Amino acid sequence: MSGGGKVVCVTGAAGYIASWTVKLLLRRDYSVRGTVRDPELIDPVVEGTLNVLKACAKAKYVRRVVMTSSTAAVAYTGQPVNADVLVDKTWFSVPSVCEKLELWYPLSKTLAEKAAWKFAEENGLDLVTTNAGYIFGPPLQPIINFSVGIILDLFKGLTYPNGYVPNTDVRDVANAHIQPFEIASASGRHYLVDSSPHFSYIIKIIRESFPNLKLAESML
């Protein structure tokens, strides 16, 4: 679908996801306005989110806001998750659980998204969120983001974590930010996970593709 010159504002436009979002928007003939963001500390994340939403509510021509959240705002509830548990749109990480485990990134994402939904409901703002897990794929910016850094760490250590990696390609995540602008019926929270391989499988794939590289040999 062509954007036909419609204007889209992308906050944090120099970031990993946002830079791909800008690139795909431009390919679709949207006009893009970008802003930079503050460091991801808890207060700036919440306040920055609300500042953007307040500006959007004030500017009556803003049709819809698509917010980058995370599975981190969903996963840390302190409750066991098994085949009998339905994870739906009402699930949020519990702040007290995040604080107890010193999980500051999930805490910031949880508080920011909950504040965003509260503001949107109180002010009649059309909000959609994307909740992706670990995000892999080629970076357009010169720095390495946290998710890609996890893969790089496999080349540095002797061990790898005993865990699974719910992930999505950064280009799919960027496209998932654009589709809510083009699909009028889009609404709510969108959980974005393509697959959840174990770290051992990721090691296996890298080793098969690059047999001469030195990788972590054993699991923690």
Protein backbone atom coordinates (compact mmCIF):
# COMPACT_ATOMS: atom_id res chain seq x y z
CA MET A 1 0.00 0.00 0.00
CA SER A 2 1.23 3.47 -0.85
CA GLY A 3 1.31 6.14 1.84
CA GLY A 4 0.47 8.79 -0.70
CA GLY A 5 2.59 11.36 1.11
CA LYS A 6 0.71 11.02 4.43
CA VAL A 7 2.75 12.26 7.39
CA VAL A 8 3.94 9.82 10.08
CA CYS A 9 5.95 10.91 13.12
CA VAL A 10 8.43 8.30 14.38
CA THR A 11 9.84 8.94 17.85
CA GLY A 12 13.31 7.62 18.64
CA ALA A 13 13.89 7.51 14.89
CA ALA A 14 17.59 6.64 15.23
CA GLY A 15 16.83 3.44 17.16
CA TYR A 16 17.01 -0.18 16.01
CA ILE A 17 13.30 -0.72 15.33
CA ALA A 18 12.51 2.87 14.45
CA SER A 19 15.24 3.19 11.81
CA TRP A 20 13.76 0.21 9.97
CA THR A 21 10.27 1.62 10.43
CA VAL A 22 11.40 4.90 8.85
CA LYS A 23 13.03 3.05 5.95
CA LEU A 24 9.91 0.99 5.22
CA LEU A 25 7.65 4.03 5.54
CA LEU A 26 9.73 5.95 3.02
CA ARG A 27 9.61 2.97 0.65
CA ARG A 28 5.81 3.16 0.86
CA ASP A 29 5.78 6.86 -0.01
CA TYR A 30 4.97 8.19 3.46
CA SER A 31 6.38 11.51 4.61
CA VAL A 32 8.30 10.86 7.84
CA ARG A 33 9.13 13.20 10.70
CA GLY A 34 11.51 11.74 13.26
CA THR A 35 12.50 12.64 16.82
CA VAL A 36 15.25 11.36 19.12
CA ARG A 37 14.58 9.89 22.55
CA ASP A 38 15.88 10.08 26.10
CA PRO A 39 17.85 7.26 27.73
CA GLU A 40 15.65 4.32 28.79
CA LEU A 41 15.40 4.97 32.51
CA ILE A 42 12.12 4.33 34.28
CA ASP A 43 10.96 7.92 34.86
CA PRO A 44 12.00 9.24 31.41
CA VAL A 45 10.31 6.29 29.70
CA VAL A 46 6.97 6.86 31.45
CA GLU A 47 7.12 10.65 31.26
CA GLY A 48 8.35 10.60 27.68
CA THR A 49 5.52 8.28 26.66
CA LEU A 50 2.92 10.52 28.29
CA ASN A 51 4.45 13.65 26.77
CA VAL A 52 4.11 12.16 23.29
CA LEU A 53 0.53 11.09 23.94
CA LYS A 54 -0.39 14.51 25.34
CA ALA A 55 0.98 16.15 22.20
CA CYS A 56 -0.98 13.70 20.04
CA ALA A 57 -4.20 14.36 21.95
CA LYS A 58 -3.68 18.10 21.57
CA ALA A 59 -3.04 17.81 17.83
CA LYS A 60 -6.48 16.86 16.60
CA TYR A 61 -5.17 15.64 13.24
CA VAL A 62 -3.39 12.60 14.76
CA ARG A 63 -5.45 9.61 13.66
CA ARG A 64 -3.74 6.77 15.54
CA VAL A 65 -0.75 6.15 17.80
CA VAL A 66 1.27 2.94 17.53
CA MET A 67 3.44 2.36 20.59
CA THR A 68 6.49 0.12 20.84
CA SER A 69 6.06 -1.98 23.95
CA SER A 70 7.59 -5.39 24.67
CA THR A 71 6.86 -8.92 25.81
CA ALA A 72 8.76 -7.72 28.89
CA ALA A 73 5.56 -5.84 29.77
CA VAL A 74 3.67 -9.15 29.69
CA ALA A 75 5.92 -11.95 30.91
CA TYR A 76 6.80 -11.18 34.54
CA THR A 77 3.67 -11.89 36.55
CA GLY A 78 5.07 -14.28 39.13
CA GLN A 79 2.53 -16.86 37.94
CA PRO A 80 3.42 -20.19 36.31
CA VAL A 81 2.47 -20.39 32.65
CA ASN A 82 1.49 -23.78 31.27
CA ALA A 83 -0.80 -25.23 28.62
CA ASP A 84 -3.88 -24.46 30.73
CA VAL A 85 -3.12 -20.75 31.08
CA LEU A 86 -4.53 -18.29 28.55
CA VAL A 87 -2.34 -15.22 28.09
CA ASP A 88 -4.62 -12.50 26.76
CA LYS A 89 -4.66 -8.73 26.34
CA THR A 90 -5.21 -8.19 30.08
CA TRP A 91 -1.83 -9.65 31.04
CA PHE A 92 0.77 -7.20 32.29
CA SER A 93 4.00 -7.79 34.16
CA VAL A 94 3.56 -7.06 37.86
CA PRO A 95 5.67 -4.08 38.99
CA SER A 96 6.40 -5.58 42.42
CA VAL A 97 7.67 -8.78 40.78
CA CYS A 98 9.93 -6.76 38.47
CA GLU A 99 11.25 -4.73 41.41
CA LYS A 100 11.93 -7.85 43.49
CA LEU A 101 13.90 -9.41 40.62
CA GLU A 102 15.55 -6.06 39.79
CA LEU A 103 14.21 -6.21 36.25
CA TRP A 104 14.26 -2.51 35.48
CA TYR A 105 13.67 -2.72 31.72
CA PRO A 106 10.49 -4.83 32.10
CA LEU A 107 9.40 -2.50 34.89
CA SER A 108 9.83 0.59 32.71
CA LYS A 109 8.01 -1.00 29.77
CA THR A 110 5.16 -2.17 32.00
CA LEU A 111 4.64 1.19 33.69
CA ALA A 112 4.91 3.06 30.38
CA GLU A 113 2.40 0.87 28.57
CA LYS A 114 -0.09 0.86 31.44
CA ALA A 115 0.17 4.65 31.68
CA ALA A 116 -0.33 4.90 27.91
CA TRP A 117 -3.50 2.80 27.94
CA LYS A 118 -4.90 4.76 30.88
CA PHE A 119 -4.23 8.08 29.13
CA ALA A 120 -5.63 6.83 25.81
CA GLU A 121 -8.85 5.62 27.44
CA GLU A 122 -9.32 8.84 29.41
CA ASN A 123 -8.64 11.08 26.40
CA GLY A 124 -10.27 9.15 23.57
CA LEU A 125 -6.95 8.48 21.81
CA ASP A 126 -6.76 5.61 19.32
CA LEU A 127 -3.81 3.52 20.59
CA VAL A 128 -2.29 0.26 19.34
CA THR A 129 0.74 -1.42 20.94
CA THR A 130 3.26 -3.89 19.57
CA ASN A 131 4.77 -6.26 22.13
CA ALA A 132 7.79 -7.97 20.60
CA GLY A 133 10.30 -10.26 22.28
CA TYR A 134 13.99 -10.38 21.40
CA ILE A 135 14.51 -8.66 18.07
CA PHE A 136 17.16 -9.86 15.66
CA GLY A 137 18.19 -8.83 12.17
CA PRO A 138 20.47 -6.34 10.42
CA PRO A 139 20.91 -3.00 12.24
CA LEU A 140 20.78 0.26 10.31
CA GLN A 141 22.28 2.30 13.15
CA PRO A 142 25.99 2.14 14.14
CA ILE A 143 25.39 0.75 17.64
CA ILE A 144 24.34 -2.73 18.75
CA ASN A 145 21.04 -3.11 20.58
CA PHE A 146 20.45 -5.42 23.54
CA SER A 147 18.94 -8.31 21.57
CA VAL A 148 21.68 -8.44 18.96
CA GLY A 149 24.19 -8.11 21.79
CA ILE A 150 22.89 -11.41 23.20
CA ILE A 151 23.99 -13.16 20.01
CA LEU A 152 27.37 -11.43 20.05
CA ASP A 153 27.88 -12.65 23.62
CA LEU A 154 27.79 -16.22 22.32
CA PHE A 155 31.10 -15.49 20.61
CA LYS A 156 32.72 -14.15 23.78
CA GLY A 157 31.99 -16.67 26.51
CA LEU A 158 32.60 -20.33 27.22
CA THR A 159 28.97 -20.95 28.23
CA TYR A 160 25.52 -20.02 26.99
CA PRO A 161 22.25 -19.57 28.92
CA ASN A 162 19.85 -22.43 29.56
CA GLY A 163 16.79 -20.73 28.15
CA TYR A 164 14.58 -20.01 25.17
CA VAL A 165 14.64 -16.91 23.00
CA PRO A 166 11.22 -15.66 21.81
CA ASN A 167 12.24 -13.57 18.83
CA THR A 168 11.12 -11.71 15.71
CA ASP A 169 13.00 -10.21 12.77
CA VAL A 170 13.40 -6.44 13.11
CA ARG A 171 11.94 -5.91 9.63
CA ASP A 172 8.76 -7.77 10.64
CA VAL A 173 8.51 -5.69 13.81
CA ALA A 174 8.90 -2.49 11.79
CA ASN A 175 6.20 -3.64 9.39
CA ALA A 176 3.95 -4.43 12.36
CA HIS A 177 4.26 -0.78 13.36
CA ILE A 178 3.14 0.35 9.91
CA GLN A 179 0.21 -2.01 9.37
CA PRO A 180 -2.00 -0.44 12.08
CA PHE A 181 -1.87 2.80 10.06
CA GLU A 182 -3.04 0.96 6.96
CA ILE A 183 -5.56 -1.44 8.54
CA ALA A 184 -8.39 0.56 10.08
CA SER A 185 -9.70 -2.39 12.12
CA ALA A 186 -6.38 -2.88 13.96
CA SER A 187 -6.72 -2.39 17.70
CA GLY A 188 -5.37 -3.44 21.09
CA ARG A 189 -2.09 -5.15 21.94
CA HIS A 190 -0.17 -7.26 19.42
CA TYR A 191 2.19 -9.95 20.71
CA LEU A 192 4.98 -10.38 18.15
CA VAL A 193 6.94 -13.64 18.37
CA ASP A 194 8.03 -15.63 15.33
CA SER A 195 9.72 -18.53 17.17
CA SER A 196 11.25 -19.42 20.54
CA PRO A 197 14.38 -21.54 19.96
CA HIS A 198 16.63 -22.69 22.78
CA PHE A 199 20.06 -21.07 22.94
CA SER A 200 21.57 -24.45 22.05
CA TYR A 201 19.67 -24.41 18.74
CA ILE A 202 20.91 -20.89 17.96
CA ILE A 203 24.47 -22.10 18.62
CA LYS A 204 23.85 -25.05 16.29
CA ILE A 205 22.59 -22.84 13.44
CA ILE A 206 25.52 -20.41 13.76
CA ARG A 207 28.03 -23.26 13.90
CA GLU A 208 26.57 -24.90 10.79
CA SER A 209 26.71 -21.62 8.88
CA PHE A 210 30.11 -20.47 10.19
CA PRO A 211 32.07 -23.59 11.24
CA ASN A 212 35.32 -21.67 11.79
CA LEU A 213 33.90 -19.29 14.39
CA LYS A 214 34.62 -19.91 18.06
CA LEU A 215 31.36 -20.19 20.03
CA ALA A 216 30.29 -20.96 23.57
CA GLU A 217 30.65 -24.70 24.14
CA SER A 218 28.57 -25.54 27.21
CA MET A 219 25.34 -24.49 28.88
CA LEU A 220 25.13 -22.62 32.16
